[in-house]
C-alpha atoms as a PDB file:
ATOM      1  CA  MET A   1      -8.982  63.286 -16.715  1.00  0.00           C
ATOM      2  CA  ASP A   2     -11.113  63.127 -13.592  1.00  0.00           C
ATOM      3  CA  LEU A   3      -8.924  61.893 -10.718  1.00  0.00           C
ATOM      4  CA  ALA A   4     -11.946  60.584  -8.814  1.00  0.00           C
ATOM      5  CA  PHE A   5     -12.059  57.638 -11.221  1.00  0.00           C
ATOM      6  CA  LEU A   6      -8.444  56.509 -10.911  1.00  0.00           C
ATOM      7  CA  SER A   7      -8.014  53.128  -9.237  1.00  0.00           C
ATOM      8  CA  MET A   8      -5.890  54.583  -6.419  1.00  0.00           C
ATOM      9  CA  ALA A   9      -8.423  57.294  -5.588  1.00  0.00           C
ATOM     10  CA  VAL A  10      -9.572  57.044  -1.981  1.00  0.00           C
ATOM     11  CA  LYS A  11     -12.079  58.900   0.087  1.00  0.00           C
ATOM     12  CA  GLU A  12     -10.883  61.752   2.239  1.00  0.00           C
ATOM     13  CA  ARG A  13     -11.558  59.759   5.431  1.00  0.00           C
ATOM     14  CA  HIS A  14      -9.338  56.906   4.187  1.00  0.00           C
ATOM     15  CA  ARG A  15      -6.524  59.333   3.399  1.00  0.00           C
ATOM     16  CA  ASP A  16      -6.919  61.109   6.757  1.00  0.00           C
ATOM     17  CA  LEU A  17      -6.726  57.824   8.669  1.00  0.00           C
ATOM     18  CA  THR A  18      -3.718  56.448   6.792  1.00  0.00           C
ATOM     19  CA  ASP A  19      -1.836  59.770   6.909  1.00  0.00           C
ATOM     20  CA  ALA A  20      -2.456  60.162  10.652  1.00  0.00           C
ATOM     21  CA  LEU A  21      -1.520  56.551  11.393  1.00  0.00           C
ATOM     22  CA  TYR A  22       1.710  56.902   9.411  1.00  0.00           C
ATOM     23  CA  GLU A  23       2.679  60.113  11.205  1.00  0.00           C
ATOM     24  CA  GLU A  24       1.764  58.747  14.649  1.00  0.00           C
ATOM     25  CA  ILE A  25       3.804  55.571  14.125  1.00  0.00           C
ATOM     26  CA  TYR A  26       6.794  57.567  12.891  1.00  0.00           C
ATOM     27  CA  LEU A  27       6.600  59.874  15.919  1.00  0.00           C
ATOM     28  CA  ALA A  28       6.046  56.970  18.337  1.00  0.00           C
ATOM     29  CA  LEU A  29       9.316  55.451  17.135  1.00  0.00           C
ATOM     30  CA  ASN A  30      11.095  58.715  17.981  1.00  0.00           C
ATOM     31  CA  MET A  31      11.626  59.369  14.279  1.00  0.00           C
ATOM     32  CA  LYS A  32      14.141  56.537  14.024  1.00  0.00           C
ATOM     33  CA  ARG A  33      14.315  55.025  10.562  1.00  0.00           C
ATOM     34  CA  PRO A  34      12.004  52.034  10.695  1.00  0.00           C
ATOM     35  CA  TYR A  35      10.908  50.475   7.442  1.00  0.00           C
ATOM     36  CA  LEU A  36       7.482  52.081   7.369  1.00  0.00           C
ATOM     37  CA  LYS A  37       5.474  52.205   4.161  1.00  0.00           C
ATOM     38  CA  LYS A  38       2.085  53.610   3.314  1.00  0.00           C
ATOM     39  CA  GLU A  39       0.186  52.197   0.325  1.00  0.00           C
ATOM     40  CA  ASN A  40       3.278  51.597  -1.819  1.00  0.00           C
ATOM     41  CA  LEU A  41       4.781  48.329  -0.636  1.00  0.00           C
ATOM     42  CA  GLY A  42       4.333  44.880  -2.118  1.00  0.00           C
ATOM     43  CA  LEU A  43       4.260  42.464   0.812  1.00  0.00           C
ATOM     44  CA  ALA A  44       5.364  39.224  -0.858  1.00  0.00           C
ATOM     45  CA  TYR A  45       3.713  35.885  -0.342  1.00  0.00           C
ATOM     46  CA  SER A  46       4.037  32.367  -1.635  1.00  0.00           C
ATOM     47  CA  GLY A  47       1.173  30.348  -3.043  1.00  0.00           C
ATOM     48  CA  GLU A  48      -1.391  31.178  -5.674  1.00  0.00           C
ATOM     49  CA  ARG A  49      -4.338  33.459  -5.184  1.00  0.00           C
ATOM     50  CA  VAL A  50      -6.755  30.859  -6.524  1.00  0.00           C
ATOM     51  CA  SER A  51      -6.339  28.978  -3.239  1.00  0.00           C
ATOM     52  CA  THR A  52      -6.219  31.515  -0.415  1.00  0.00           C
ATOM     53  CA  SER A  53      -5.668  28.852   2.230  1.00  0.00           C
ATOM     54  CA  MET A  54      -2.366  27.860   0.566  1.00  0.00           C
ATOM     55  CA  CYS A  55      -0.965  31.409   0.580  1.00  0.00           C
ATOM     56  CA  LEU A  56       1.622  32.365   3.206  1.00  0.00           C
ATOM     57  CA  LEU A  57       3.565  35.513   3.945  1.00  0.00           C
ATOM     58  CA  SER A  58       7.106  34.873   2.817  1.00  0.00           C
ATOM     59  CA  ALA A  59      10.162  35.218   5.019  1.00  0.00           C
ATOM     60  CA  ASP A  60      12.294  32.663   3.136  1.00  0.00           C
ATOM     61  CA  SER A  61      15.928  33.726   3.555  1.00  0.00           C
ATOM     62  CA  ASP A  62      16.964  31.537   0.581  1.00  0.00           C
ATOM     63  CA  ILE A  63      15.060  33.625  -1.964  1.00  0.00           C
ATOM     64  CA  SER A  64      17.295  35.873  -4.066  1.00  0.00           C
ATOM     65  CA  ALA A  65      16.592  39.587  -4.410  1.00  0.00           C
ATOM     66  CA  GLU A  66      15.450  38.926  -7.990  1.00  0.00           C
ATOM     67  CA  GLY A  67      13.195  36.101  -6.755  1.00  0.00           C
ATOM     68  CA  ILE A  68      11.532  38.384  -4.210  1.00  0.00           C
ATOM     69  CA  ASP A  69      10.302  40.601  -7.027  1.00  0.00           C
ATOM     70  CA  GLU A  70       8.772  37.575  -8.776  1.00  0.00           C
ATOM     71  CA  LEU A  71       6.520  36.611  -5.847  1.00  0.00           C
ATOM     72  CA  PHE A  72       2.859  37.556  -5.654  1.00  0.00           C
ATOM     73  CA  ASN A  73       2.154  40.490  -3.356  1.00  0.00           C
ATOM     74  CA  VAL A  74      -0.510  42.452  -1.546  1.00  0.00           C
ATOM     75  CA  THR A  75      -0.355  46.142  -0.753  1.00  0.00           C
ATOM     76  CA  PRO A  76      -1.292  46.997   2.832  1.00  0.00           C
ATOM     77  CA  ASP A  77      -2.377  50.522   3.699  1.00  0.00           C
ATOM     78  CA  ILE A  78       0.405  50.634   6.297  1.00  0.00           C
ATOM     79  CA  ALA A  79       3.197  48.152   6.983  1.00  0.00           C
ATOM     80  CA  LEU A  80       5.823  48.566   9.680  1.00  0.00           C
ATOM     81  CA  PHE A  81       9.017  46.576  10.095  1.00  0.00           C
ATOM     82  CA  HIS A  82      10.595  47.757  13.335  1.00  0.00           C
ATOM     83  CA  LYS A  83      11.826  44.807  15.383  1.00  0.00           C
ATOM     84  CA  ASN A  84      11.119  42.134  12.773  1.00  0.00           C
ATOM     85  CA  SER A  85      13.557  41.600   9.906  1.00  0.00           C
ATOM     86  CA  TYR A  86      12.810  42.019   6.214  1.00  0.00           C
ATOM     87  CA  ARG A  87      14.516  41.881   2.827  1.00  0.00           C
ATOM     88  CA  LEU A  88      13.774  43.997  -0.224  1.00  0.00           C
ATOM     89  CA  GLY A  89      13.611  42.713  -3.757  1.00  0.00           C
ATOM     90  CA  GLU A  90      16.104  43.943  -6.315  1.00  0.00           C
ATOM     91  CA  ARG A  91      13.702  46.589  -7.643  1.00  0.00           C
ATOM     92  CA  THR A  92      12.691  47.540  -4.052  1.00  0.00           C
ATOM     93  CA  VAL A  93       9.053  46.942  -4.973  1.00  0.00           C
ATOM     94  CA  ASN A  94       8.456  43.766  -2.960  1.00  0.00           C
ATOM     95  CA  VAL A  95       9.574  42.942   0.542  1.00  0.00           C
ATOM     96  CA  ILE A  96       9.662  39.601   2.333  1.00  0.00           C
ATOM     97  CA  GLY A  97       9.386  39.203   6.066  1.00  0.00           C
ATOM     98  CA  TYR A  98       6.853  39.381   8.836  1.00  0.00           C
ATOM     99  CA  PRO A  99       5.849  42.984   9.568  1.00  0.00           C
ATOM    100  CA  ASP A 100       5.531  44.104  13.167  1.00  0.00           C
ATOM    101  CA  LEU A 101       2.278  45.859  12.307  1.00  0.00           C
ATOM    102  CA  VAL A 102      -0.040  45.922   9.299  1.00  0.00           C
ATOM    103  CA  ILE A 103      -3.031  48.242   9.122  1.00  0.00           C
ATOM    104  CA  GLU A 104      -5.851  48.095   6.596  1.00  0.00           C
ATOM    105  CA  VAL A 105      -8.468  50.821   6.282  1.00  0.00           C
ATOM    106  CA  TRP A 106     -11.252  49.068   4.398  1.00  0.00           C
ATOM    107  CA  SER A 107     -13.053  50.875   1.617  1.00  0.00           C
ATOM    108  CA  THR A 108     -16.163  49.916  -0.302  1.00  0.00           C
ATOM    109  CA  GLY A 109     -13.812  49.103  -3.192  1.00  0.00           C
ATOM    110  CA  ASN A 110     -12.169  46.264  -1.225  1.00  0.00           C
ATOM    111  CA  SER A 111     -13.783  43.076  -2.507  1.00  0.00           C
ATOM    112  CA  ASP A 112     -14.649  40.248  -0.131  1.00  0.00           C
ATOM    113  CA  SER A 113     -11.960  38.088  -1.764  1.00  0.00           C
ATOM    114  CA  ASP A 114      -9.294  40.795  -1.321  1.00  0.00           C
ATOM    115  CA  ARG A 115     -10.251  41.210   2.333  1.00  0.00           C
ATOM    116  CA  ALA A 116     -10.207  37.447   2.896  1.00  0.00           C
ATOM    117  CA  LEU A 117      -6.792  37.069   1.249  1.00  0.00           C
ATOM    118  CA  LYS A 118      -5.230  39.887   3.277  1.00  0.00           C
ATOM    119  CA  ARG A 119      -6.725  38.673   6.575  1.00  0.00           C
ATOM    120  CA  HIS A 120      -5.475  35.160   5.870  1.00  0.00           C
ATOM    121  CA  LEU A 121      -1.992  36.265   4.778  1.00  0.00           C
ATOM    122  CA  TYR A 122      -1.374  38.495   7.787  1.00  0.00           C
ATOM    123  CA  SER A 123      -2.556  35.737  10.122  1.00  0.00           C
ATOM    124  CA  THR A 124       0.055  33.305   8.720  1.00  0.00           C
ATOM    125  CA  SER A 125       2.755  35.176  10.623  1.00  0.00           C
ATOM    126  CA  PRO A 126       2.494  34.502  14.368  1.00  0.00           C
ATOM    127  CA  ILE A 127       4.435  37.705  15.118  1.00  0.00           C
ATOM    128  CA  THR A 128       2.517  40.153  12.926  1.00  0.00           C
ATOM    129  CA  GLU A 129      -0.052  42.398  14.552  1.00  0.00           C
ATOM    130  CA  HIS A 130      -2.763  43.400  12.099  1.00  0.00           C
ATOM    131  CA  TRP A 131      -5.503  45.972  12.533  1.00  0.00           C
ATOM    132  CA  TYR A 132      -8.619  46.536  10.432  1.00  0.00           C
ATOM    133  CA  LEU A 133     -10.544  49.817  10.380  1.00  0.00           C
ATOM    134  CA  THR A 134     -13.593  50.912   8.474  1.00  0.00           C
ATOM    135  CA  GLN A 135     -14.231  54.496   7.516  1.00  0.00           C
ATOM    136  CA  THR A 136     -17.646  54.591   9.179  1.00  0.00           C
ATOM    137  CA  SER A 137     -16.763  53.356  12.657  1.00  0.00           C
ATOM    138  CA  ASN A 138     -14.385  54.025  15.541  1.00  0.00           C
ATOM    139  CA  ARG A 139     -13.845  50.292  16.071  1.00  0.00           C
ATOM    140  CA  ILE A 140     -10.484  48.706  15.238  1.00  0.00           C
ATOM    141  CA  GLU A 141     -10.434  44.932  14.884  1.00  0.00           C
ATOM    142  CA  CYS A 142      -7.075  43.692  16.203  1.00  0.00           C
ATOM    143  CA  TRP A 143      -5.197  40.435  15.663  1.00  0.00           C
ATOM    144  CA  LEU A 144      -1.793  38.993  16.541  1.00  0.00           C
ATOM    145  CA  GLY A 145      -1.093  36.222  14.058  1.00  0.00           C
ATOM    146  CA  ALA A 146      -4.191  34.021  14.005  1.00  0.00           C
ATOM    147  CA  GLU A 147      -5.335  35.102  17.479  1.00  0.00           C
ATOM    148  CA  GLN A 148      -7.944  37.808  17.723  1.00  0.00           C
ATOM    149  CA  GLN A 149      -7.139  40.430  20.336  1.00  0.00           C
ATOM    150  CA  LYS A 150      -9.414  42.846  22.144  1.00  0.00           C
ATOM    151  CA  ASN A 151     -10.862  45.450  19.768  1.00  0.00           C
ATOM    152  CA  LYS A 152      -9.622  49.020  20.074  1.00  0.00           C
ATOM    153  CA  SER A 153     -11.380  52.337  19.531  1.00  0.00           C
ATOM    154  CA  LEU A 154     -10.312  55.566  17.861  1.00  0.00           C
ATOM    155  CA  LYS A 155     -11.881  57.298  20.871  1.00  0.00           C
ATOM    156  CA  LYS A 156      -8.961  56.079  23.041  1.00  0.00           C
ATOM    157  CA  ILE A 157      -5.188  56.202  22.830  1.00  0.00           C
ATOM    158  CA  LEU A 158      -4.051  53.099  20.939  1.00  0.00           C
ATOM    159  CA  THR A 159      -1.204  50.821  22.009  1.00  0.00           C
ATOM    160  CA  THR A 160       0.326  48.058  19.903  1.00  0.00           C
ATOM    161  CA  THR A 161       1.517  44.775  21.420  1.00  0.00           C
ATOM    162  CA  ASN A 162       5.079  46.100  21.014  1.00  0.00           C
ATOM    163  CA  GLY A 163       4.212  49.169  23.095  1.00  0.00           C
ATOM    164  CA  LEU A 164       3.849  51.865  20.428  1.00  0.00           C
ATOM    165  CA  THR A 165       1.358  54.496  21.553  1.00  0.00           C
ATOM    166  CA  LEU A 166      -0.739  56.189  18.890  1.00  0.00           C
ATOM    167  CA  ASP A 167      -3.218  58.999  19.496  1.00  0.00           C
ATOM    168  CA  LEU A 168      -5.860  59.279  16.786  1.00  0.00           C
ATOM    169  CA  ARG A 169      -8.676  60.523  18.987  1.00  0.00           C
ATOM    170  CA  ASP A 170      -9.082  63.641  16.866  1.00  0.00           C
ATOM    171  CA  LEU A 171     -10.192  61.357  14.012  1.00  0.00           C
ATOM    172  CA  ALA A 172     -12.899  59.634  16.062  1.00  0.00           C
ATOM    173  CA  LEU A 173     -16.395  59.958  14.660  1.00  0.00           C
END
């Protein structure tokens, strides 16, 4: 079987960016145990995908652990819960809550509808910072909730709104 054709296969640049981001975030938090996941977390939301505008990130404290696993989900490239609270589903596949930081490294395989859904979902939390990178640029599009922030660049040291400092300059193009 040729691994290049598996659905989870990503380009080397995508893997380099997500690996470096993960390691930098972990180090920036002084290796404390945040809930930090890379490409293997179902971020739960309510609503149905057929109507993106009706979808919301879920932080409903009344949902049971079994119910969390029944919600729809998206899988961010990186999701960090550090100061913001979260709850895991019974199978620890889905999580509800508003992440402190979500990072997406777009690939050509990301459809316009997937991108639109993720952008909308992350913007439904006023306390979630979300960054969008492409593999062919140094530009990072930055948002806090529904408010666009000043873009960042891989050519400079990056700082989140919560003060995490990340140095990815060696990955700049």
